[in-house]
């Protein structure tokens, strides 16, 4: 998996990284047992602070999506293997409807955030 960060984005770098892993898991690109790059290697390749990557990994660990194992690094957990296909289909449906209605991505995201509260 190729990680990217956008320093000009209003989203913190750690959140950008964590979101990429979340999306990879939901789409099935990252499966149970998949090793993520070491925090040190990822920080070096993206030219960002090691603690930024560690924060992303800790958030993912707290959500149960990855396990942080001494000597093995960050590994996608079994809990992450839940069947996300129905959720992915629902999201695709929301995106389709949003585009049909001419809503901006920001408006759609705001509606989703409000619905999740």
N, C-alpha and C. Protein backbone atom coordinates (compact mmCIF):
# COMPACT_ATOMS: atom_id res chain seq x y z
N UNK A 1 0.85 -1.17 0.00
CA UNK A 1 0.00 0.00 0.00
C UNK A 1 0.90 1.24 0.00
N UNK A 2 0.53 2.18 -0.83
CA UNK A 2 1.29 3.42 -0.94
C UNK A 2 0.62 4.49 -0.09
N UNK A 3 1.38 5.06 0.82
CA UNK A 3 0.85 6.11 1.69
C UNK A 3 1.26 7.47 1.14
N UNK A 4 0.33 8.42 1.28
CA UNK A 4 0.60 9.80 0.87
C UNK A 4 0.04 10.73 1.93
N UNK A 5 0.69 11.87 2.09
CA UNK A 5 0.16 12.91 2.97
C UNK A 5 0.19 14.23 2.21
N UNK A 6 -0.74 15.09 2.55
CA UNK A 6 -0.82 16.41 1.94
C UNK A 6 -0.63 17.45 3.04
N UNK A 7 0.56 18.02 3.13
CA UNK A 7 0.84 19.00 4.18
C UNK A 7 -0.06 20.23 4.11
N UNK A 8 -0.65 20.52 2.95
CA UNK A 8 -1.52 21.69 2.82
C UNK A 8 -2.97 21.39 3.21
N UNK A 9 -3.27 20.14 3.48
CA UNK A 9 -4.63 19.76 3.88
C UNK A 9 -4.92 20.27 5.29
N UNK A 10 -6.18 20.61 5.56
CA UNK A 10 -6.52 21.02 6.92
C UNK A 10 -6.53 19.84 7.90
N UNK A 11 -6.55 18.62 7.37
CA UNK A 11 -6.54 17.43 8.22
C UNK A 11 -5.13 17.17 8.72
N UNK A 12 -4.98 16.84 10.00
CA UNK A 12 -3.65 16.53 10.54
C UNK A 12 -3.02 15.35 9.79
N UNK A 13 -1.72 15.33 9.72
CA UNK A 13 -1.02 14.27 8.99
C UNK A 13 -1.33 12.89 9.57
N UNK A 14 -1.39 12.78 10.90
CA UNK A 14 -1.68 11.47 11.51
C UNK A 14 -3.06 10.99 11.10
N UNK A 15 -4.03 11.91 10.99
CA UNK A 15 -5.39 11.54 10.60
C UNK A 15 -5.42 11.10 9.14
N UNK A 16 -4.63 11.75 8.29
CA UNK A 16 -4.55 11.35 6.89
C UNK A 16 -4.03 9.92 6.77
N UNK A 17 -3.00 9.60 7.53
CA UNK A 17 -2.44 8.25 7.50
C UNK A 17 -3.44 7.22 8.01
N UNK A 18 -4.06 7.51 9.15
CA UNK A 18 -5.02 6.58 9.73
C UNK A 18 -6.20 6.35 8.78
N UNK A 19 -6.66 7.41 8.13
CA UNK A 19 -7.78 7.27 7.19
C UNK A 19 -7.41 6.37 6.02
N UNK A 20 -6.18 6.46 5.55
CA UNK A 20 -5.76 5.60 4.44
C UNK A 20 -5.78 4.13 4.84
N UNK A 21 -5.39 3.84 6.07
CA UNK A 21 -5.43 2.46 6.54
C UNK A 21 -6.88 2.00 6.70
N UNK A 22 -7.74 2.86 7.27
CA UNK A 22 -9.15 2.51 7.43
C UNK A 22 -9.79 2.18 6.09
N UNK A 23 -9.54 3.02 5.11
CA UNK A 23 -10.11 2.80 3.77
C UNK A 23 -9.55 1.51 3.17
N UNK A 24 -8.27 1.27 3.34
CA UNK A 24 -7.66 0.04 2.84
C UNK A 24 -8.29 -1.20 3.45
N UNK A 25 -8.62 -1.13 4.73
CA UNK A 25 -9.26 -2.26 5.40
C UNK A 25 -10.68 -2.46 4.89
N UNK A 26 -11.45 -1.38 4.81
CA UNK A 26 -12.85 -1.48 4.37
C UNK A 26 -12.93 -1.98 2.94
N UNK A 27 -12.03 -1.53 2.09
CA UNK A 27 -12.04 -1.96 0.69
C UNK A 27 -11.51 -3.37 0.50
N UNK A 28 -10.85 -3.89 1.53
CA UNK A 28 -10.29 -5.23 1.42
C UNK A 28 -8.87 -5.26 0.89
N UNK A 29 -8.26 -4.09 0.71
CA UNK A 29 -6.87 -4.04 0.26
C UNK A 29 -5.91 -4.49 1.36
N UNK A 30 -6.30 -4.23 2.61
CA UNK A 30 -5.51 -4.66 3.77
C UNK A 30 -6.32 -5.72 4.51
N UNK A 31 -5.78 -6.91 4.61
CA UNK A 31 -6.49 -8.02 5.24
C UNK A 31 -5.81 -8.41 6.54
N UNK A 32 -6.48 -9.24 7.32
CA UNK A 32 -5.95 -9.72 8.59
C UNK A 32 -4.53 -10.25 8.40
N UNK A 33 -3.64 -9.79 9.27
CA UNK A 33 -2.26 -10.25 9.24
C UNK A 33 -1.34 -9.42 8.37
N UNK A 34 -1.90 -8.50 7.59
CA UNK A 34 -1.06 -7.65 6.75
C UNK A 34 -0.21 -6.75 7.63
N UNK A 35 1.08 -6.73 7.35
CA UNK A 35 1.98 -5.86 8.10
C UNK A 35 2.02 -4.49 7.46
N UNK A 36 1.91 -3.50 8.29
CA UNK A 36 2.08 -2.12 7.84
C UNK A 36 3.56 -1.77 7.94
N UNK A 37 4.00 -0.76 7.22
CA UNK A 37 5.42 -0.38 7.33
C UNK A 37 5.75 0.02 8.76
N UNK A 38 6.99 -0.19 9.14
CA UNK A 38 7.38 0.25 10.47
C UNK A 38 7.19 1.76 10.55
N UNK A 39 6.91 2.24 11.74
CA UNK A 39 6.69 3.67 11.94
C UNK A 39 7.91 4.46 11.48
N UNK A 40 9.07 3.95 11.78
CA UNK A 40 10.31 4.64 11.42
C UNK A 40 10.46 4.70 9.89
N UNK A 41 10.20 3.57 9.21
CA UNK A 41 10.34 3.55 7.75
C UNK A 41 9.31 4.45 7.08
N UNK A 42 8.07 4.41 7.58
CA UNK A 42 7.01 5.23 6.98
C UNK A 42 7.30 6.71 7.18
N UNK A 43 7.72 7.07 8.39
CA UNK A 43 8.05 8.47 8.66
C UNK A 43 9.18 8.94 7.76
N UNK A 44 10.17 8.11 7.58
CA UNK A 44 11.30 8.46 6.73
C UNK A 44 10.88 8.61 5.28
N UNK A 45 10.06 7.66 4.78
CA UNK A 45 9.66 7.72 3.36
C UNK A 45 8.76 8.91 3.06
N UNK A 46 7.98 9.36 4.06
CA UNK A 46 7.08 10.49 3.86
C UNK A 46 7.69 11.81 4.32
N UNK A 47 8.87 11.71 4.89
CA UNK A 47 9.58 12.89 5.41
C UNK A 47 8.72 13.63 6.45
N UNK A 48 8.20 12.84 7.41
CA UNK A 48 7.42 13.40 8.51
C UNK A 48 7.98 12.87 9.82
N UNK A 49 7.52 13.43 10.91
CA UNK A 49 7.99 13.06 12.24
C UNK A 49 7.53 11.66 12.61
N UNK A 50 8.39 10.90 13.23
CA UNK A 50 8.08 9.55 13.69
C UNK A 50 6.85 9.54 14.59
N UNK A 51 6.70 10.54 15.45
CA UNK A 51 5.58 10.58 16.38
C UNK A 51 4.24 10.78 15.66
N UNK A 52 4.28 11.36 14.47
CA UNK A 52 3.06 11.51 13.67
C UNK A 52 2.55 10.13 13.26
N UNK A 53 3.45 9.28 12.79
CA UNK A 53 3.07 7.92 12.38
C UNK A 53 2.63 7.12 13.61
N UNK A 54 3.37 7.26 14.69
CA UNK A 54 3.00 6.53 15.91
C UNK A 54 1.61 6.93 16.39
N UNK A 55 1.26 8.20 16.28
CA UNK A 55 -0.08 8.66 16.69
C UNK A 55 -1.14 8.00 15.81
N UNK A 56 -0.92 7.93 14.52
CA UNK A 56 -1.87 7.27 13.61
C UNK A 56 -2.01 5.80 13.99
N UNK A 57 -0.90 5.12 14.22
CA UNK A 57 -0.93 3.71 14.58
C UNK A 57 -1.62 3.50 15.93
N UNK A 58 -1.38 4.38 16.88
CA UNK A 58 -2.04 4.25 18.19
C UNK A 58 -3.54 4.44 18.07
N UNK A 59 -3.99 5.39 17.25
CA UNK A 59 -5.43 5.58 17.05
C UNK A 59 -6.05 4.34 16.42
N UNK A 60 -5.37 3.77 15.44
CA UNK A 60 -5.88 2.55 14.79
C UNK A 60 -5.90 1.38 15.77
N UNK A 61 -4.89 1.31 16.62
CA UNK A 61 -4.87 0.27 17.65
C UNK A 61 -6.03 0.45 18.62
N UNK A 62 -6.28 1.68 19.04
CA UNK A 62 -7.37 1.95 19.97
C UNK A 62 -8.73 1.60 19.38
N UNK A 63 -8.85 1.68 18.06
CA UNK A 63 -10.08 1.31 17.37
C UNK A 63 -10.18 -0.19 17.14
N UNK A 64 -9.09 -0.91 17.42
CA UNK A 64 -9.08 -2.35 17.22
C UNK A 64 -8.78 -2.79 15.80
N UNK A 65 -8.34 -1.87 14.97
CA UNK A 65 -8.08 -2.21 13.57
C UNK A 65 -6.70 -2.80 13.34
N UNK A 66 -5.74 -2.42 14.18
CA UNK A 66 -4.41 -3.01 14.08
C UNK A 66 -3.94 -3.43 15.46
N UNK A 67 -2.95 -4.29 15.45
CA UNK A 67 -2.28 -4.68 16.69
C UNK A 67 -0.84 -4.21 16.57
N UNK A 68 -0.33 -3.67 17.64
CA UNK A 68 1.07 -3.26 17.67
C UNK A 68 1.82 -4.31 18.46
N UNK A 69 2.68 -5.04 17.77
CA UNK A 69 3.40 -6.14 18.40
C UNK A 69 4.89 -5.86 18.40
N UNK A 70 5.46 -6.05 19.56
CA UNK A 70 6.90 -5.85 19.69
C UNK A 70 7.61 -6.86 18.77
N UNK A 71 8.48 -6.35 17.94
CA UNK A 71 9.23 -7.21 17.03
C UNK A 71 8.52 -7.47 15.71
N UNK A 72 7.19 -7.31 15.66
CA UNK A 72 6.45 -7.53 14.42
C UNK A 72 5.89 -6.24 13.86
N UNK A 73 5.83 -5.22 14.67
CA UNK A 73 5.30 -3.94 14.21
C UNK A 73 3.79 -3.90 14.19
N UNK A 74 3.26 -3.12 13.27
CA UNK A 74 1.81 -2.92 13.15
C UNK A 74 1.24 -3.95 12.17
N UNK A 75 0.22 -4.69 12.67
CA UNK A 75 -0.39 -5.75 11.87
C UNK A 75 -1.90 -5.57 11.90
N UNK A 76 -2.54 -5.73 10.75
CA UNK A 76 -4.01 -5.62 10.68
C UNK A 76 -4.61 -6.74 11.53
N UNK A 77 -5.52 -6.38 12.41
CA UNK A 77 -6.10 -7.32 13.37
C UNK A 77 -7.22 -8.15 12.76
N UNK A 78 -7.57 -9.22 13.47
CA UNK A 78 -8.70 -10.06 13.06
C UNK A 78 -10.00 -9.27 13.12
N UNK A 79 -10.12 -8.40 14.10
CA UNK A 79 -11.33 -7.59 14.25
C UNK A 79 -11.58 -6.75 13.00
N UNK A 80 -10.51 -6.38 12.32
CA UNK A 80 -10.65 -5.55 11.12
C UNK A 80 -11.23 -6.33 9.95
N UNK A 81 -11.31 -7.64 10.08
CA UNK A 81 -11.78 -8.48 8.97
C UNK A 81 -13.30 -8.60 8.91
N UNK A 82 -13.99 -7.84 9.74
CA UNK A 82 -15.45 -7.87 9.69
C UNK A 82 -15.92 -7.62 8.26
N UNK A 83 -17.09 -8.08 7.97
CA UNK A 83 -17.64 -7.87 6.63
C UNK A 83 -18.12 -6.45 6.43
N UNK A 84 -17.33 -5.65 5.75
CA UNK A 84 -17.67 -4.26 5.52
C UNK A 84 -18.39 -4.04 4.19
N UNK A 85 -18.64 -5.10 3.44
CA UNK A 85 -19.25 -4.95 2.11
C UNK A 85 -20.58 -4.18 2.16
N UNK A 86 -21.49 -4.50 3.10
CA UNK A 86 -22.75 -3.74 3.13
C UNK A 86 -22.53 -2.25 3.41
N UNK A 87 -21.58 -1.93 4.28
CA UNK A 87 -21.28 -0.54 4.57
C UNK A 87 -20.69 0.15 3.34
N UNK A 88 -19.78 -0.53 2.67
CA UNK A 88 -19.17 0.03 1.47
C UNK A 88 -20.24 0.31 0.41
N UNK A 89 -21.20 -0.60 0.26
CA UNK A 89 -22.28 -0.40 -0.71
C UNK A 89 -23.16 0.79 -0.32
N UNK A 90 -23.43 0.92 0.96
CA UNK A 90 -24.26 2.03 1.44
C UNK A 90 -23.54 3.37 1.20
N UNK A 91 -22.26 3.40 1.45
CA UNK A 91 -21.48 4.62 1.23
C UNK A 91 -21.48 4.98 -0.26
N UNK A 92 -21.29 3.98 -1.09
CA UNK A 92 -21.31 4.24 -2.54
C UNK A 92 -22.67 4.79 -2.97
N UNK A 93 -23.74 4.28 -2.36
CA UNK A 93 -25.09 4.77 -2.66
C UNK A 93 -25.23 6.24 -2.23
N UNK A 94 -24.75 6.56 -1.05
CA UNK A 94 -24.81 7.94 -0.55
C UNK A 94 -24.02 8.86 -1.48
N UNK A 95 -22.85 8.44 -1.91
CA UNK A 95 -22.04 9.25 -2.81
C UNK A 95 -22.77 9.47 -4.13
N UNK A 96 -23.38 8.41 -4.65
CA UNK A 96 -24.13 8.52 -5.90
C UNK A 96 -25.28 9.53 -5.76
N UNK A 97 -26.06 9.41 -4.68
CA UNK A 97 -27.16 10.34 -4.44
C UNK A 97 -26.66 11.77 -4.26
N UNK A 98 -25.57 11.92 -3.54
CA UNK A 98 -25.00 13.23 -3.30
C UNK A 98 -24.63 13.90 -4.62
N UNK A 99 -24.01 13.14 -5.50
CA UNK A 99 -23.63 13.68 -6.81
C UNK A 99 -24.86 14.04 -7.64
N UNK A 100 -25.88 13.18 -7.59
CA UNK A 100 -27.12 13.46 -8.32
C UNK A 100 -27.75 14.76 -7.86
N UNK A 101 -27.67 15.03 -6.56
CA UNK A 101 -28.26 16.23 -5.99
C UNK A 101 -27.34 17.45 -6.11
N UNK A 102 -26.13 17.22 -6.58
CA UNK A 102 -25.19 18.32 -6.75
C UNK A 102 -24.59 18.83 -5.46
N UNK A 103 -24.58 17.98 -4.42
CA UNK A 103 -24.00 18.39 -3.14
C UNK A 103 -22.48 18.33 -3.19
N UNK A 104 -21.86 19.22 -2.49
CA UNK A 104 -20.40 19.21 -2.41
C UNK A 104 -19.97 18.08 -1.47
N UNK A 105 -18.73 17.61 -1.63
CA UNK A 105 -18.23 16.60 -0.69
C UNK A 105 -18.27 17.09 0.77
N UNK A 106 -18.03 18.39 0.97
CA UNK A 106 -18.05 18.94 2.33
C UNK A 106 -19.45 18.85 2.94
N UNK A 107 -20.48 19.13 2.14
CA UNK A 107 -21.86 19.05 2.63
C UNK A 107 -22.22 17.60 2.95
N UNK A 108 -21.85 16.71 2.07
CA UNK A 108 -22.14 15.29 2.29
C UNK A 108 -21.44 14.80 3.55
N UNK A 109 -20.19 15.17 3.71
CA UNK A 109 -19.43 14.77 4.91
C UNK A 109 -20.08 15.35 6.16
N UNK A 110 -20.50 16.61 6.10
CA UNK A 110 -21.15 17.22 7.25
C UNK A 110 -22.45 16.48 7.60
N UNK A 111 -23.21 16.08 6.62
CA UNK A 111 -24.44 15.33 6.87
C UNK A 111 -24.13 13.98 7.52
N UNK A 112 -23.09 13.31 7.04
CA UNK A 112 -22.71 12.03 7.61
C UNK A 112 -22.23 12.19 9.06
N UNK A 113 -21.43 13.22 9.29
CA UNK A 113 -20.95 13.46 10.66
C UNK A 113 -22.11 13.70 11.61
N UNK A 114 -23.08 14.48 11.18
CA UNK A 114 -24.23 14.78 12.02
C UNK A 114 -25.04 13.51 12.28
N UNK A 115 -25.19 12.67 11.27
CA UNK A 115 -25.96 11.43 11.43
C UNK A 115 -25.27 10.46 12.38
N UNK A 116 -23.95 10.53 12.45
CA UNK A 116 -23.20 9.62 13.32
C UNK A 116 -23.17 10.06 14.78
N UNK A 117 -23.64 11.25 15.06
CA UNK A 117 -23.62 11.74 16.46
C UNK A 117 -24.70 11.13 17.27
